[in-house]
Amino acid sequence: MSKAIFYHAGCPVCLGAEQMLISAINQDKYPLEIVHLGEQPDRIGEAESAGVNSVPALTLGGQVFHINFGAAIADLKA
């Protein structure tokens, strides 16, 4: 079973996308993990390794889906 991971930084764009994903994704098929990189900065490297360049972004089945644009990953490291 593939796991979906939604990375975000807590901005309004990110929070809106989070709520839409929670209601849209079939979590029986794709369990959804929410990662707030502002609160979990130790996971920024993980997000980068997965191919995330900006947030909000969803990883699913080895692919990255960048949703709108809230912040660049580089901006989260500052």
N, C-alpha and C. Protein backbone atom coordinates (compact mmCIF):
# COMPACT_ATOMS: atom_id res chain seq x y z
N MET A 1 0.84 -1.18 0.00
CA MET A 1 0.00 0.00 0.00
C MET A 1 0.89 1.24 0.00
N SER A 2 0.61 2.18 -0.90
CA SER A 2 1.35 3.43 -0.95
C SER A 2 0.87 4.37 0.14
N LYS A 3 1.80 5.13 0.65
CA LYS A 3 1.48 6.13 1.66
C LYS A 3 1.55 7.51 1.00
N ALA A 4 0.63 8.37 1.32
CA ALA A 4 0.64 9.75 0.85
C ALA A 4 1.20 10.61 1.97
N ILE A 5 2.14 11.48 1.63
CA ILE A 5 2.68 12.41 2.61
C ILE A 5 2.47 13.82 2.09
N PHE A 6 1.82 14.64 2.89
CA PHE A 6 1.57 16.03 2.53
C PHE A 6 2.50 16.89 3.37
N TYR A 7 3.41 17.60 2.70
CA TYR A 7 4.35 18.50 3.36
C TYR A 7 3.84 19.93 3.22
N HIS A 8 3.88 20.67 4.32
CA HIS A 8 3.49 22.07 4.26
C HIS A 8 4.19 22.86 5.34
N ALA A 9 4.00 24.20 5.30
CA ALA A 9 4.68 25.07 6.25
C ALA A 9 3.71 25.87 7.11
N GLY A 10 2.42 25.59 7.00
CA GLY A 10 1.45 26.25 7.86
C GLY A 10 0.86 27.54 7.33
N CYS A 11 1.22 27.93 6.10
CA CYS A 11 0.66 29.16 5.53
C CYS A 11 -0.81 28.92 5.15
N PRO A 12 -1.57 29.97 4.89
CA PRO A 12 -2.98 29.79 4.52
C PRO A 12 -3.18 28.90 3.29
N VAL A 13 -2.32 29.02 2.29
CA VAL A 13 -2.41 28.16 1.10
C VAL A 13 -2.24 26.71 1.51
N CYS A 14 -1.26 26.45 2.35
CA CYS A 14 -0.97 25.09 2.80
C CYS A 14 -2.13 24.50 3.62
N LEU A 15 -2.66 25.29 4.52
CA LEU A 15 -3.74 24.80 5.39
C LEU A 15 -5.00 24.51 4.58
N GLY A 16 -5.27 25.34 3.58
CA GLY A 16 -6.42 25.08 2.72
C GLY A 16 -6.24 23.79 1.93
N ALA A 17 -5.04 23.59 1.40
CA ALA A 17 -4.75 22.37 0.65
C ALA A 17 -4.83 21.15 1.56
N GLU A 18 -4.36 21.28 2.80
CA GLU A 18 -4.43 20.18 3.76
C GLU A 18 -5.87 19.73 3.98
N GLN A 19 -6.77 20.68 4.20
CA GLN A 19 -8.16 20.34 4.44
C GLN A 19 -8.80 19.67 3.22
N MET A 20 -8.45 20.15 2.03
CA MET A 20 -8.99 19.55 0.81
C MET A 20 -8.49 18.11 0.65
N LEU A 21 -7.21 17.89 0.92
CA LEU A 21 -6.64 16.54 0.78
C LEU A 21 -7.24 15.57 1.79
N ILE A 22 -7.41 16.03 3.02
CA ILE A 22 -7.99 15.16 4.05
C ILE A 22 -9.36 14.65 3.62
N SER A 23 -10.15 15.50 3.00
CA SER A 23 -11.48 15.08 2.59
C SER A 23 -11.48 14.37 1.24
N ALA A 24 -10.46 14.57 0.41
CA ALA A 24 -10.47 14.02 -0.95
C ALA A 24 -9.78 12.67 -1.09
N ILE A 25 -8.77 12.40 -0.30
CA ILE A 25 -7.99 11.17 -0.47
C ILE A 25 -8.66 10.00 0.24
N ASN A 26 -8.75 8.90 -0.47
CA ASN A 26 -9.26 7.66 0.12
C ASN A 26 -8.14 7.09 1.00
N GLN A 27 -8.24 7.31 2.31
CA GLN A 27 -7.17 6.90 3.21
C GLN A 27 -7.14 5.40 3.45
N ASP A 28 -8.13 4.67 2.99
CA ASP A 28 -8.05 3.21 3.03
C ASP A 28 -7.06 2.73 1.98
N LYS A 29 -6.95 3.47 0.89
CA LYS A 29 -6.05 3.12 -0.20
C LYS A 29 -4.69 3.81 -0.04
N TYR A 30 -4.71 5.07 0.37
CA TYR A 30 -3.49 5.86 0.55
C TYR A 30 -3.51 6.53 1.92
N PRO A 31 -2.99 5.87 2.95
CA PRO A 31 -2.93 6.53 4.26
C PRO A 31 -2.19 7.87 4.12
N LEU A 32 -2.75 8.91 4.72
CA LEU A 32 -2.22 10.26 4.57
C LEU A 32 -1.51 10.70 5.84
N GLU A 33 -0.25 11.08 5.67
CA GLU A 33 0.52 11.65 6.77
C GLU A 33 0.70 13.14 6.49
N ILE A 34 0.43 13.97 7.47
CA ILE A 34 0.59 15.41 7.34
C ILE A 34 1.89 15.80 8.05
N VAL A 35 2.77 16.48 7.33
CA VAL A 35 4.04 16.92 7.91
C VAL A 35 4.13 18.44 7.82
N HIS A 36 4.06 19.10 8.96
CA HIS A 36 4.18 20.56 9.05
C HIS A 36 5.67 20.85 9.25
N LEU A 37 6.33 21.30 8.17
CA LEU A 37 7.77 21.50 8.23
C LEU A 37 8.19 22.67 9.12
N GLY A 38 7.27 23.57 9.40
CA GLY A 38 7.55 24.65 10.34
C GLY A 38 7.68 24.12 11.76
N GLU A 39 6.92 23.07 12.06
CA GLU A 39 6.95 22.46 13.38
C GLU A 39 7.89 21.25 13.44
N GLN A 40 8.22 20.70 12.27
CA GLN A 40 9.10 19.53 12.19
C GLN A 40 10.24 19.80 11.20
N PRO A 41 11.08 20.79 11.49
CA PRO A 41 12.15 21.15 10.55
C PRO A 41 13.16 20.02 10.31
N ASP A 42 13.21 19.07 11.23
CA ASP A 42 14.11 17.92 11.06
C ASP A 42 13.69 17.04 9.87
N ARG A 43 12.51 17.27 9.31
CA ARG A 43 12.04 16.46 8.19
C ARG A 43 12.20 17.17 6.84
N ILE A 44 12.82 18.36 6.84
CA ILE A 44 13.05 19.08 5.59
C ILE A 44 13.94 18.27 4.66
N GLY A 45 14.98 17.65 5.18
CA GLY A 45 15.86 16.82 4.36
C GLY A 45 15.11 15.65 3.72
N GLU A 46 14.21 15.06 4.47
CA GLU A 46 13.38 13.97 3.95
C GLU A 46 12.53 14.46 2.78
N ALA A 47 11.93 15.63 2.95
CA ALA A 47 11.10 16.21 1.88
C ALA A 47 11.95 16.48 0.64
N GLU A 48 13.12 17.05 0.83
CA GLU A 48 14.01 17.31 -0.30
C GLU A 48 14.40 16.02 -1.00
N SER A 49 14.73 15.00 -0.24
CA SER A 49 15.11 13.71 -0.82
C SER A 49 13.97 13.09 -1.62
N ALA A 50 12.74 13.39 -1.23
CA ALA A 50 11.58 12.88 -1.95
C ALA A 50 11.31 13.69 -3.23
N GLY A 51 12.00 14.83 -3.38
CA GLY A 51 11.82 15.65 -4.58
C GLY A 51 10.98 16.89 -4.38
N VAL A 52 10.65 17.20 -3.13
CA VAL A 52 9.84 18.38 -2.84
C VAL A 52 10.71 19.63 -2.98
N ASN A 53 10.28 20.56 -3.83
CA ASN A 53 11.00 21.83 -4.04
C ASN A 53 10.31 23.00 -3.36
N SER A 54 9.01 22.87 -3.17
CA SER A 54 8.23 23.92 -2.53
C SER A 54 7.03 23.27 -1.84
N VAL A 55 6.45 24.03 -0.92
CA VAL A 55 5.27 23.53 -0.23
C VAL A 55 4.12 24.48 -0.51
N PRO A 56 2.91 23.98 -0.52
CA PRO A 56 2.50 22.63 -0.18
C PRO A 56 2.80 21.64 -1.31
N ALA A 57 3.09 20.41 -0.90
CA ALA A 57 3.38 19.34 -1.85
C ALA A 57 2.91 18.01 -1.29
N LEU A 58 2.51 17.15 -2.20
CA LEU A 58 2.04 15.81 -1.84
C LEU A 58 2.93 14.79 -2.52
N THR A 59 3.44 13.83 -1.76
CA THR A 59 4.15 12.71 -2.37
C THR A 59 3.23 11.51 -2.32
N LEU A 60 3.18 10.81 -3.45
CA LEU A 60 2.27 9.68 -3.58
C LEU A 60 2.83 8.73 -4.63
N GLY A 61 3.08 7.50 -4.24
CA GLY A 61 3.57 6.51 -5.20
C GLY A 61 4.90 6.88 -5.82
N GLY A 62 5.76 7.55 -5.08
CA GLY A 62 7.07 7.92 -5.59
C GLY A 62 7.07 9.18 -6.45
N GLN A 63 5.92 9.83 -6.58
CA GLN A 63 5.83 11.07 -7.35
C GLN A 63 5.55 12.23 -6.41
N VAL A 64 5.98 13.42 -6.84
CA VAL A 64 5.73 14.63 -6.08
C VAL A 64 4.75 15.50 -6.85
N PHE A 65 3.74 15.96 -6.15
CA PHE A 65 2.77 16.86 -6.73
C PHE A 65 2.84 18.18 -5.97
N HIS A 66 3.39 19.21 -6.63
CA HIS A 66 3.47 20.53 -6.02
C HIS A 66 2.12 21.22 -6.21
N ILE A 67 1.55 21.68 -5.13
CA ILE A 67 0.21 22.27 -5.13
C ILE A 67 0.35 23.77 -4.90
N ASN A 68 -0.01 24.57 -5.92
CA ASN A 68 0.09 26.01 -5.80
C ASN A 68 1.51 26.38 -5.38
N PHE A 69 1.73 27.46 -4.68
CA PHE A 69 3.05 27.81 -4.18
C PHE A 69 2.89 28.58 -2.89
N GLY A 70 3.42 28.03 -1.83
CA GLY A 70 3.39 28.69 -0.53
C GLY A 70 4.77 29.19 -0.13
N ALA A 71 5.76 28.29 -0.23
CA ALA A 71 7.14 28.64 0.14
C ALA A 71 8.10 27.65 -0.48
N ALA A 72 9.27 28.13 -0.84
CA ALA A 72 10.34 27.26 -1.34
C ALA A 72 10.95 26.52 -0.14
N ILE A 73 11.41 25.31 -0.38
CA ILE A 73 12.07 24.53 0.69
C ILE A 73 13.26 25.32 1.23
N ALA A 74 14.01 25.99 0.36
CA ALA A 74 15.16 26.76 0.80
C ALA A 74 14.77 27.83 1.83
N ASP A 75 13.59 28.41 1.67
CA ASP A 75 13.12 29.44 2.61
C ASP A 75 12.83 28.86 4.00
N LEU A 76 12.53 27.58 4.05
CA LEU A 76 12.21 26.94 5.33
C LEU A 76 13.47 26.64 6.15
N LYS A 77 14.62 26.65 5.50
CA LYS A 77 15.87 26.33 6.18
C LYS A 77 16.43 27.54 6.92
N ALA A 78 15.94 28.72 6.61
CA ALA A 78 16.49 29.95 7.20
C ALA A 78 16.12 30.12 8.65
